[in-house]
Every structure is written in C-alpha cells, then in structure tokens.
Amino acid sequence: MQTVLITGANRSIGLETAKQLSEKGLFIYLGSRDLAKGEAVVKDLTGKGFKNIRAIEIDVTSPESVLKAKEIIDKEQGKLDILINNAGILGIQPQTAEATAVENIREVFETNFFGIITVTQIFLELLKKSDRPRISNITSGLGSLTLHSDPEWKYYHVKSAAYGPSKSALNAYTIVLAYELKELPFKVNVIDPGYTATDFNHHSGPGSTESAASFIIKHTLTGENGPTGQFFSNDIEDETGISPW
C-alpha cells in the first residue's frame, strides 16, 4: 500500500484529495496544524466508510512540528511514497506592491514557500526509500509570470504582492528540485488545481473541489515515464494541461 502525506488536508481541496486517494486504496496521512481538527475530520470520514486515513499534526512553518511528523511516519511506515505540499495561505487583503507591509508578505512566503521547502527537505529521507517517490507542490495560475504579462489572460488583473509571488518562487524551487532528483525515480511537479470554490476565496471560484482533487491526483499518480519538473494547471484549456511558467 502506497503512503501519502497531504499538508493542509483538514478541509477544501486537501480534504477532497485525501478522500479520493483513500478510495484508490492508498494510506493517507491527513496533515493538519490543529491535531484535534484533523482527528475530527478523520472520525467523520471513517463514519462515512473511508479507510486508511490517519490525522497527523504538522505545521509547515515549524521545523520541530515537521520533524515530529516525519518521526511518526518513519516509525509507522518506514518510508513515504507521495508528498503533496498543499498547505498555503492567501494573506491579508488587498495586496498592493506599493503598500503591503513587508511583514505581511513575509508571512505568506513563510507558509507558501519556506514551509514547503522545510517539509520537502525533511521528508526526502523517507521519500528516497520509496520505489516510486512523488512530490506534488500545489501552486496557482497566479504564479505564472508569462500569464501575468499577457493582457489577454482572463485573470490578468488579479495581481497580488504576496500570494502570487510566493507561488512563482515555489515554481522556481520545484524546477531546481526536479533537476537535482532527475537521476532518481522521483517525479516532482507543480500542480495548479484551478480557480476552485473554497473557503480560501469565499467560494468565488467556478471550479469544484472534486475536479481540483482529481486533477492533482492525475498528475501525481504518474507512471515510470511520467513528466517531472512540469507545471500543470486545471485552468489550461487543452489536453496537456501544461501551463507556461
């Protein structure tokens, strides 16, 4: 049975991803900053017939918390097959380049960028013990510099000084990580689930959590010859789903 850790999985897209992976027969560590909330979610899921889901406390901004989670998974499984770095924050709004305080921008980067690096580096030891290790970093179309430079893009006017740049930085980090791991059986990609209706955006997005989770899983459970170092987006309207950087 493959094991997967999903950070920020106690609600919205992360939760739906956990549910769909459970139905596919994987063992899921449902990451939550608040263990009680995570356990409540798992209790509810278990009551609905979902299996092999365990809540685990993990705060991506705390190396101590991440190390503790890694020790638990190491003790129980001895390896990790899939890491889905889903945890993220939007940050204070609005986010203008002229007026957004540096501390507010730093707070967003702490979770969306540095937190993902912390989790990834700490869990690499367990991922390297897997025959088919996968790392999926959940990004956003708002992290695409190419699209942000195109006045014809439908989200061209949705600019932010913290959230978008944090995802651009994550995309850049993923390219480097994928390159460094290319001689190993890793597949490392960034995946944009698309503009989805969640608590994150006051349910303003047109997409469903079901579609978002399905898209993440499609580009995570890839085969031996699957792509690595790629940017996939559920908002790209062609068969490839490949987004420009």
C-alpha atoms as a PDB file:
ATOM      1  CA  MET A   1       0.000   0.000   0.000  1.00  0.00           C
ATOM      2  CA  GLN A   2       1.375   3.383  -1.007  1.00  0.00           C
ATOM      3  CA  THR A   3       1.553   6.068   1.651  1.00  0.00           C
ATOM      4  CA  VAL A   4       0.872   9.753   1.108  1.00  0.00           C
ATOM      5  CA  LEU A   5       1.211  12.839   3.266  1.00  0.00           C
ATOM      6  CA  ILE A   6      -1.033  15.783   2.391  1.00  0.00           C
ATOM      7  CA  THR A   7      -0.359  19.011   4.262  1.00  0.00           C
ATOM      8  CA  GLY A   8      -3.267  21.347   4.984  1.00  0.00           C
ATOM      9  CA  ALA A   9      -5.694  18.490   4.385  1.00  0.00           C
ATOM     10  CA  ASN A  10      -8.392  19.037   7.003  1.00  0.00           C
ATOM     11  CA  ARG A  11     -10.611  20.994   4.571  1.00  0.00           C
ATOM     12  CA  SER A  12     -11.311  22.018   0.978  1.00  0.00           C
ATOM     13  CA  ILE A  13      -9.065  20.678  -1.798  1.00  0.00           C
ATOM     14  CA  GLY A  14      -6.672  18.879   0.545  1.00  0.00           C
ATOM     15  CA  LEU A  15      -9.542  17.038   2.206  1.00  0.00           C
ATOM     16  CA  GLU A  16     -11.134  16.057  -1.094  1.00  0.00           C
ATOM     17  CA  THR A  17      -7.756  14.806  -2.321  1.00  0.00           C
ATOM     18  CA  ALA A  18      -7.466  12.636   0.786  1.00  0.00           C
ATOM     19  CA  LYS A  19     -10.935  11.191   0.168  1.00  0.00           C
ATOM     20  CA  GLN A  20     -10.249  10.347  -3.453  1.00  0.00           C
ATOM     21  CA  LEU A  21      -6.870   8.778  -2.662  1.00  0.00           C
ATOM     22  CA  SER A  22      -8.491   6.705   0.079  1.00  0.00           C
ATOM     23  CA  GLU A  23     -10.944   5.367  -2.486  1.00  0.00           C
ATOM     24  CA  LYS A  24      -7.967   4.381  -4.634  1.00  0.00           C
ATOM     25  CA  GLY A  25      -6.538   2.276  -1.799  1.00  0.00           C
ATOM     26  CA  LEU A  26      -3.700   4.486  -0.542  1.00  0.00           C
ATOM     27  CA  PHE A  27      -2.853   5.119   3.096  1.00  0.00           C
ATOM     28  CA  ILE A  28      -3.245   8.819   3.803  1.00  0.00           C
ATOM     29  CA  TYR A  29      -1.665  10.957   6.482  1.00  0.00           C
ATOM     30  CA  LEU A  30      -4.064  13.865   6.706  1.00  0.00           C
ATOM     31  CA  GLY A  31      -1.905  16.790   7.769  1.00  0.00           C
ATOM     32  CA  SER A  32      -3.407  19.479   9.965  1.00  0.00           C
ATOM     33  CA  ARG A  33      -1.892  22.258  12.067  1.00  0.00           C
ATOM     34  CA  ASP A  34      -4.533  21.528  14.717  1.00  0.00           C
ATOM     35  CA  LEU A  35      -4.489  17.813  15.542  1.00  0.00           C
ATOM     36  CA  ALA A  36      -7.934  17.922  17.170  1.00  0.00           C
ATOM     37  CA  LYS A  37      -9.472  19.342  13.987  1.00  0.00           C
ATOM     38  CA  GLY A  38      -7.702  16.724  11.899  1.00  0.00           C
ATOM     39  CA  GLU A  39      -8.884  13.904  14.128  1.00  0.00           C
ATOM     40  CA  ALA A  40     -12.446  15.200  13.994  1.00  0.00           C
ATOM     41  CA  VAL A  41     -12.298  15.157  10.197  1.00  0.00           C
ATOM     42  CA  VAL A  42     -10.912  11.616  10.150  1.00  0.00           C
ATOM     43  CA  LYS A  43     -13.623  10.445  12.564  1.00  0.00           C
ATOM     44  CA  ASP A  44     -16.245  11.855  10.225  1.00  0.00           C
ATOM     45  CA  LEU A  45     -14.624  10.266   7.183  1.00  0.00           C
ATOM     46  CA  THR A  46     -14.372   6.898   8.911  1.00  0.00           C
ATOM     47  CA  GLY A  47     -18.053   7.084   9.743  1.00  0.00           C
ATOM     48  CA  LYS A  48     -18.750   7.600   6.045  1.00  0.00           C
ATOM     49  CA  GLY A  49     -16.808   4.483   5.088  1.00  0.00           C
ATOM     50  CA  PHE A  50     -13.424   5.934   4.168  1.00  0.00           C
ATOM     51  CA  LYS A  51     -10.477   3.795   5.199  1.00  0.00           C
ATOM     52  CA  ASN A  52      -6.752   4.116   5.861  1.00  0.00           C
ATOM     53  CA  ILE A  53      -6.740   7.800   6.805  1.00  0.00           C
ATOM     54  CA  ARG A  54      -4.813   8.989   9.854  1.00  0.00           C
ATOM     55  CA  ALA A  55      -4.658  12.548  11.151  1.00  0.00           C
ATOM     56  CA  ILE A  56      -1.182  13.880  11.820  1.00  0.00           C
ATOM     57  CA  GLU A  57      -0.190  17.208  13.308  1.00  0.00           C
ATOM     58  CA  ILE A  58       2.066  19.252  11.048  1.00  0.00           C
ATOM     59  CA  ASP A  59       2.668  22.973  10.987  1.00  0.00           C
ATOM     60  CA  VAL A  60       4.798  23.667   7.922  1.00  0.00           C
ATOM     61  CA  THR A  61       6.179  26.859   9.474  1.00  0.00           C
ATOM     62  CA  SER A  62       7.601  24.893  12.427  1.00  0.00           C
ATOM     63  CA  PRO A  63      10.611  22.633  11.716  1.00  0.00           C
ATOM     64  CA  GLU A  64      10.026  20.941  15.075  1.00  0.00           C
ATOM     65  CA  SER A  65       6.473  20.047  14.085  1.00  0.00           C
ATOM     66  CA  VAL A  66       7.599  18.738  10.698  1.00  0.00           C
ATOM     67  CA  LEU A  67      10.351  16.638  12.272  1.00  0.00           C
ATOM     68  CA  LYS A  68       7.881  15.142  14.735  1.00  0.00           C
ATOM     69  CA  ALA A  69       5.524  14.211  11.889  1.00  0.00           C
ATOM     70  CA  LYS A  70       8.424  12.659   9.975  1.00  0.00           C
ATOM     71  CA  GLU A  71       9.405  10.568  13.000  1.00  0.00           C
ATOM     72  CA  ILE A  72       5.842   9.266  13.350  1.00  0.00           C
ATOM     73  CA  ILE A  73       5.596   8.252   9.700  1.00  0.00           C
ATOM     74  CA  ASP A  74       9.079   6.723   9.778  1.00  0.00           C
ATOM     75  CA  LYS A  75       8.148   4.624  12.809  1.00  0.00           C
ATOM     76  CA  GLU A  76       4.811   3.503  11.366  1.00  0.00           C
ATOM     77  CA  GLN A  77       5.704   3.078   7.684  1.00  0.00           C
ATOM     78  CA  GLY A  78       9.470   3.292   7.279  1.00  0.00           C
ATOM     79  CA  LYS A  79       9.018   5.277   4.064  1.00  0.00           C
ATOM     80  CA  LEU A  80       6.820   7.802   2.283  1.00  0.00           C
ATOM     81  CA  ASP A  81       5.720   7.342  -1.314  1.00  0.00           C
ATOM     82  CA  ILE A  82       3.956  10.620  -2.035  1.00  0.00           C
ATOM     83  CA  LEU A  83       4.235  14.119  -0.610  1.00  0.00           C
ATOM     84  CA  ILE A  84       1.536  16.602  -1.577  1.00  0.00           C
ATOM     85  CA  ASN A  85       2.530  20.054  -0.361  1.00  0.00           C
ATOM     86  CA  ASN A  86      -0.960  21.540  -0.213  1.00  0.00           C
ATOM     87  CA  ALA A  87      -0.795  23.858   2.811  1.00  0.00           C
ATOM     88  CA  GLY A  88      -0.973  27.523   1.890  1.00  0.00           C
ATOM     89  CA  ILE A  89      -2.373  30.892   2.921  1.00  0.00           C
ATOM     90  CA  LEU A  90      -3.725  33.830   0.944  1.00  0.00           C
ATOM     91  CA  GLY A  91      -2.562  36.565   3.288  1.00  0.00           C
ATOM     92  CA  ILE A  92      -4.029  39.903   4.211  1.00  0.00           C
ATOM     93  CA  GLN A  93      -6.042  41.659   1.514  1.00  0.00           C
ATOM     94  CA  PRO A  94      -5.642  43.782  -0.539  1.00  0.00           C
ATOM     95  CA  GLN A  95      -2.030  43.114  -1.544  1.00  0.00           C
ATOM     96  CA  THR A  96      -0.665  46.074  -3.435  1.00  0.00           C
ATOM     97  CA  ALA A  97       3.015  46.279  -4.293  1.00  0.00           C
ATOM     98  CA  GLU A  98       3.079  49.871  -3.067  1.00  0.00           C
ATOM     99  CA  ALA A  99       1.522  49.445   0.350  1.00  0.00           C
ATOM    100  CA  THR A 100       1.562  45.834   1.557  1.00  0.00           C
ATOM    101  CA  ALA A 101       3.754  45.651   4.639  1.00  0.00           C
ATOM    102  CA  VAL A 102       6.876  43.546   4.330  1.00  0.00           C
ATOM    103  CA  GLU A 103       5.883  41.517   7.382  1.00  0.00           C
ATOM    104  CA  ASN A 104       2.605  40.556   5.655  1.00  0.00           C
ATOM    105  CA  ILE A 105       4.470  39.436   2.541  1.00  0.00           C
ATOM    106  CA  ARG A 106       6.973  37.534   4.667  1.00  0.00           C
ATOM    107  CA  GLU A 107       4.140  35.738   6.481  1.00  0.00           C
ATOM    108  CA  VAL A 108       2.734  34.427   3.191  1.00  0.00           C
ATOM    109  CA  PHE A 109       6.154  33.301   1.983  1.00  0.00           C
ATOM    110  CA  GLU A 110       6.782  31.579   5.315  1.00  0.00           C
ATOM    111  CA  THR A 111       3.936  29.141   4.630  1.00  0.00           C
ATOM    112  CA  ASN A 112       3.710  29.012   0.842  1.00  0.00           C
ATOM    113  CA  PHE A 113       7.427  28.897   0.067  1.00  0.00           C
ATOM    114  CA  PHE A 114       9.741  28.322   3.015  1.00  0.00           C
ATOM    115  CA  GLY A 115       7.289  25.950   4.686  1.00  0.00           C
ATOM    116  CA  ILE A 116       7.176  23.737   1.620  1.00  0.00           C
ATOM    117  CA  ILE A 117      10.967  23.690   1.440  1.00  0.00           C
ATOM    118  CA  THR A 118      11.110  22.678   5.108  1.00  0.00           C
ATOM    119  CA  VAL A 119       8.657  19.812   4.646  1.00  0.00           C
ATOM    120  CA  THR A 120      10.303  18.625   1.436  1.00  0.00           C
ATOM    121  CA  GLN A 121      13.849  18.610   2.772  1.00  0.00           C
ATOM    122  CA  ILE A 122      12.877  16.841   5.994  1.00  0.00           C
ATOM    123  CA  PHE A 123      10.837  14.154   4.217  1.00  0.00           C
ATOM    124  CA  LEU A 124      13.303  13.483   1.398  1.00  0.00           C
ATOM    125  CA  GLU A 125      14.944  10.774   3.507  1.00  0.00           C
ATOM    126  CA  LEU A 126      11.693   8.793   3.662  1.00  0.00           C
ATOM    127  CA  LEU A 127      10.771   9.529   0.046  1.00  0.00           C
ATOM    128  CA  LYS A 128      14.112   8.138  -1.131  1.00  0.00           C
ATOM    129  CA  LYS A 129      13.118   4.806   0.420  1.00  0.00           C
ATOM    130  CA  SER A 130      10.154   4.549  -1.959  1.00  0.00           C
ATOM    131  CA  ASP A 131      10.300   2.775  -5.315  1.00  0.00           C
ATOM    132  CA  ARG A 132       8.121   5.473  -6.908  1.00  0.00           C
ATOM    133  CA  PRO A 133       8.532   8.721  -4.963  1.00  0.00           C
ATOM    134  CA  ARG A 134       6.318  11.629  -5.981  1.00  0.00           C
ATOM    135  CA  ILE A 135       6.348  15.261  -4.848  1.00  0.00           C
ATOM    136  CA  SER A 136       3.462  17.476  -5.913  1.00  0.00           C
ATOM    137  CA  ASN A 137       3.716  21.125  -4.941  1.00  0.00           C
ATOM    138  CA  ILE A 138       0.316  22.783  -5.134  1.00  0.00           C
ATOM    139  CA  THR A 139       0.663  26.103  -6.887  1.00  0.00           C
ATOM    140  CA  SER A 140      -1.620  28.621  -8.587  1.00  0.00           C
ATOM    141  CA  GLY A 141      -2.042  30.044 -12.047  1.00  0.00           C
ATOM    142  CA  LEU A 142      -1.357  33.363 -10.329  1.00  0.00           C
ATOM    143  CA  GLY A 143       2.242  32.201 -10.033  1.00  0.00           C
ATOM    144  CA  SER A 144       2.750  32.198 -13.808  1.00  0.00           C
ATOM    145  CA  LEU A 145       4.859  35.183 -14.853  1.00  0.00           C
ATOM    146  CA  THR A 146       4.095  34.525 -18.514  1.00  0.00           C
ATOM    147  CA  LEU A 147       0.339  34.670 -17.993  1.00  0.00           C
ATOM    148  CA  HIS A 148       0.610  37.715 -15.739  1.00  0.00           C
ATOM    149  CA  SER A 149       2.376  39.503 -18.591  1.00  0.00           C
ATOM    150  CA  ASP A 150      -0.425  38.756 -21.044  1.00  0.00           C
ATOM    151  CA  PRO A 151      -3.219  41.396 -21.036  1.00  0.00           C
ATOM    152  CA  GLU A 152      -5.484  38.863 -22.768  1.00  0.00           C
ATOM    153  CA  TRP A 153      -5.277  36.364 -19.883  1.00  0.00           C
ATOM    154  CA  LYS A 154      -8.618  36.118 -18.094  1.00  0.00           C
ATOM    155  CA  TYR A 155      -7.018  36.676 -14.683  1.00  0.00           C
ATOM    156  CA  TYR A 156      -4.596  39.364 -15.867  1.00  0.00           C
ATOM    157  CA  HIS A 157      -5.986  41.938 -13.444  1.00  0.00           C
ATOM    158  CA  VAL A 158      -5.769  39.647 -10.403  1.00  0.00           C
ATOM    159  CA  LYS A 159      -2.420  40.860  -9.084  1.00  0.00           C
ATOM    160  CA  SER A 160      -1.033  40.374  -5.579  1.00  0.00           C
ATOM    161  CA  ALA A 161       2.221  41.362  -3.929  1.00  0.00           C
ATOM    162  CA  ALA A 162       2.458  38.297  -1.689  1.00  0.00           C
ATOM    163  CA  TYR A 163       0.374  35.300  -2.758  1.00  0.00           C
ATOM    164  CA  GLY A 164       1.222  35.247  -6.476  1.00  0.00           C
ATOM    165  CA  PRO A 165       4.950  35.885  -5.971  1.00  0.00           C
ATOM    166  CA  SER A 166       5.089  33.159  -3.300  1.00  0.00           C
ATOM    167  CA  LYS A 167       3.778  30.695  -5.867  1.00  0.00           C
ATOM    168  CA  SER A 168       6.203  31.976  -8.530  1.00  0.00           C
ATOM    169  CA  ALA A 169       9.037  31.305  -6.100  1.00  0.00           C
ATOM    170  CA  LEU A 170       7.645  27.848  -5.383  1.00  0.00           C
ATOM    171  CA  ASN A 171       7.543  27.106  -9.101  1.00  0.00           C
ATOM    172  CA  ALA A 172      11.185  28.127  -9.457  1.00  0.00           C
ATOM    173  CA  TYR A 173      12.227  25.987  -6.483  1.00  0.00           C
ATOM    174  CA  THR A 174      10.394  22.989  -7.939  1.00  0.00           C
ATOM    175  CA  ILE A 175      12.294  23.268 -11.217  1.00  0.00           C
ATOM    176  CA  VAL A 176      15.596  23.108  -9.336  1.00  0.00           C
ATOM    177  CA  LEU A 177      14.456  20.231  -7.109  1.00  0.00           C
ATOM    178  CA  ALA A 178      13.225  18.193 -10.070  1.00  0.00           C
ATOM    179  CA  TYR A 179      16.550  18.728 -11.823  1.00  0.00           C
ATOM    180  CA  GLU A 180      18.556  17.596  -8.801  1.00  0.00           C
ATOM    181  CA  LEU A 181      16.445  14.426  -8.417  1.00  0.00           C
ATOM    182  CA  LYS A 182      16.206  13.562 -12.126  1.00  0.00           C
ATOM    183  CA  GLU A 183      18.564  10.593 -11.894  1.00  0.00           C
ATOM    184  CA  LEU A 184      16.356   9.022  -9.210  1.00  0.00           C
ATOM    185  CA  PRO A 185      12.822   7.634  -9.750  1.00  0.00           C
ATOM    186  CA  PHE A 186      11.285  10.885  -8.449  1.00  0.00           C
ATOM    187  CA  LYS A 187       8.579  12.809 -10.277  1.00  0.00           C
ATOM    188  CA  VAL A 188       8.446  16.379  -8.976  1.00  0.00           C
ATOM    189  CA  ASN A 189       5.862  18.786 -10.362  1.00  0.00           C
ATOM    190  CA  VAL A 190       3.854  21.873  -9.534  1.00  0.00           C
ATOM    191  CA  ILE A 191       0.110  21.482  -9.919  1.00  0.00           C
ATOM    192  CA  ASP A 192      -2.454  24.255 -10.077  1.00  0.00           C
ATOM    193  CA  PRO A 193      -5.904  22.850  -9.188  1.00  0.00           C
ATOM    194  CA  GLY A 194      -7.522  25.827 -10.884  1.00  0.00           C
ATOM    195  CA  TYR A 195      -9.733  28.590  -9.583  1.00  0.00           C
ATOM    196  CA  THR A 196     -11.830  26.500  -7.211  1.00  0.00           C
ATOM    197  CA  ALA A 197     -14.712  27.426  -4.924  1.00  0.00           C
ATOM    198  CA  THR A 198     -13.269  27.025  -1.410  1.00  0.00           C
ATOM    199  CA  ASP A 199     -13.153  28.775   1.964  1.00  0.00           C
ATOM    200  CA  PHE A 200      -9.835  30.151   0.712  1.00  0.00           C
ATOM    201  CA  ASN A 201     -11.584  32.511  -1.728  1.00  0.00           C
ATOM    202  CA  HIS A 202     -15.033  32.779  -0.113  1.00  0.00           C
ATOM    203  CA  HIS A 203     -16.286  30.181  -2.617  1.00  0.00           C
ATOM    204  CA  SER A 204     -15.876  32.586  -5.528  1.00  0.00           C
ATOM    205  CA  GLY A 205     -14.115  30.167  -7.876  1.00  0.00           C
ATOM    206  CA  PRO A 206     -16.006  28.400 -10.672  1.00  0.00           C
ATOM    207  CA  GLY A 207     -14.324  25.016 -10.183  1.00  0.00           C
ATOM    208  CA  SER A 208     -15.308  22.230  -7.779  1.00  0.00           C
ATOM    209  CA  THR A 209     -13.109  20.630  -5.125  1.00  0.00           C
ATOM    210  CA  GLU A 210     -13.849  17.272  -6.757  1.00  0.00           C
ATOM    211  CA  SER A 211     -12.394  18.437 -10.081  1.00  0.00           C
ATOM    212  CA  ALA A 212      -9.427  20.085  -8.353  1.00  0.00           C
ATOM    213  CA  ALA A 213      -8.554  16.970  -6.362  1.00  0.00           C
ATOM    214  CA  SER A 214      -8.969  14.722  -9.389  1.00  0.00           C
ATOM    215  CA  PHE A 215      -6.571  16.929 -11.362  1.00  0.00           C
ATOM    216  CA  ILE A 216      -3.977  16.833  -8.566  1.00  0.00           C
ATOM    217  CA  ILE A 217      -4.206  13.063  -8.363  1.00  0.00           C
ATOM    218  CA  LYS A 218      -3.986  12.631 -12.143  1.00  0.00           C
ATOM    219  CA  HIS A 219      -0.657  14.444 -12.210  1.00  0.00           C
ATOM    220  CA  THR A 220       0.629  12.851  -9.012  1.00  0.00           C
ATOM    221  CA  LEU A 221      -0.017   9.152  -9.599  1.00  0.00           C
ATOM    222  CA  THR A 222       2.091   9.108 -12.735  1.00  0.00           C
ATOM    223  CA  GLY A 223       3.983   6.178 -14.182  1.00  0.00           C
ATOM    224  CA  GLU A 224       7.668   5.479 -14.563  1.00  0.00           C
ATOM    225  CA  ASN A 225       7.872   7.543 -17.741  1.00  0.00           C
ATOM    226  CA  GLY A 226       5.755  10.395 -16.414  1.00  0.00           C
ATOM    227  CA  PRO A 227       6.907  14.013 -16.573  1.00  0.00           C
ATOM    228  CA  THR A 228       8.983  15.756 -13.949  1.00  0.00           C
ATOM    229  CA  GLY A 229       9.766  19.441 -13.491  1.00  0.00           C
ATOM    230  CA  GLN A 230       6.484  20.439 -15.143  1.00  0.00           C
ATOM    231  CA  PHE A 231       3.727  22.972 -14.376  1.00  0.00           C
ATOM    232  CA  PHE A 232       0.202  21.610 -14.787  1.00  0.00           C
ATOM    233  CA  SER A 233      -2.927  23.740 -14.460  1.00  0.00           C
ATOM    234  CA  ASN A 234      -6.592  22.786 -14.350  1.00  0.00           C
ATOM    235  CA  ASP A 235      -7.346  26.183 -15.897  1.00  0.00           C
ATOM    236  CA  ILE A 236      -5.385  25.473 -19.070  1.00  0.00           C
ATOM    237  CA  GLU A 237      -7.930  24.579 -21.705  1.00  0.00           C
ATOM    238  CA  ASP A 238      -6.095  21.994 -23.771  1.00  0.00           C
ATOM    239  CA  GLU A 239      -5.367  18.287 -23.487  1.00  0.00           C
ATOM    240  CA  THR A 240      -1.901  18.700 -21.993  1.00  0.00           C
ATOM    241  CA  GLY A 241      -2.903  20.884 -19.054  1.00  0.00           C
ATOM    242  CA  ILE A 242       0.603  22.351 -19.229  1.00  0.00           C
ATOM    243  CA  SER A 243       0.889  25.958 -18.075  1.00  0.00           C
ATOM    244  CA  PRO A 244       3.548  28.454 -19.150  1.00  0.00           C
ATOM    245  CA  TRP A 245       5.905  29.474 -16.391  1.00  0.00           C
END
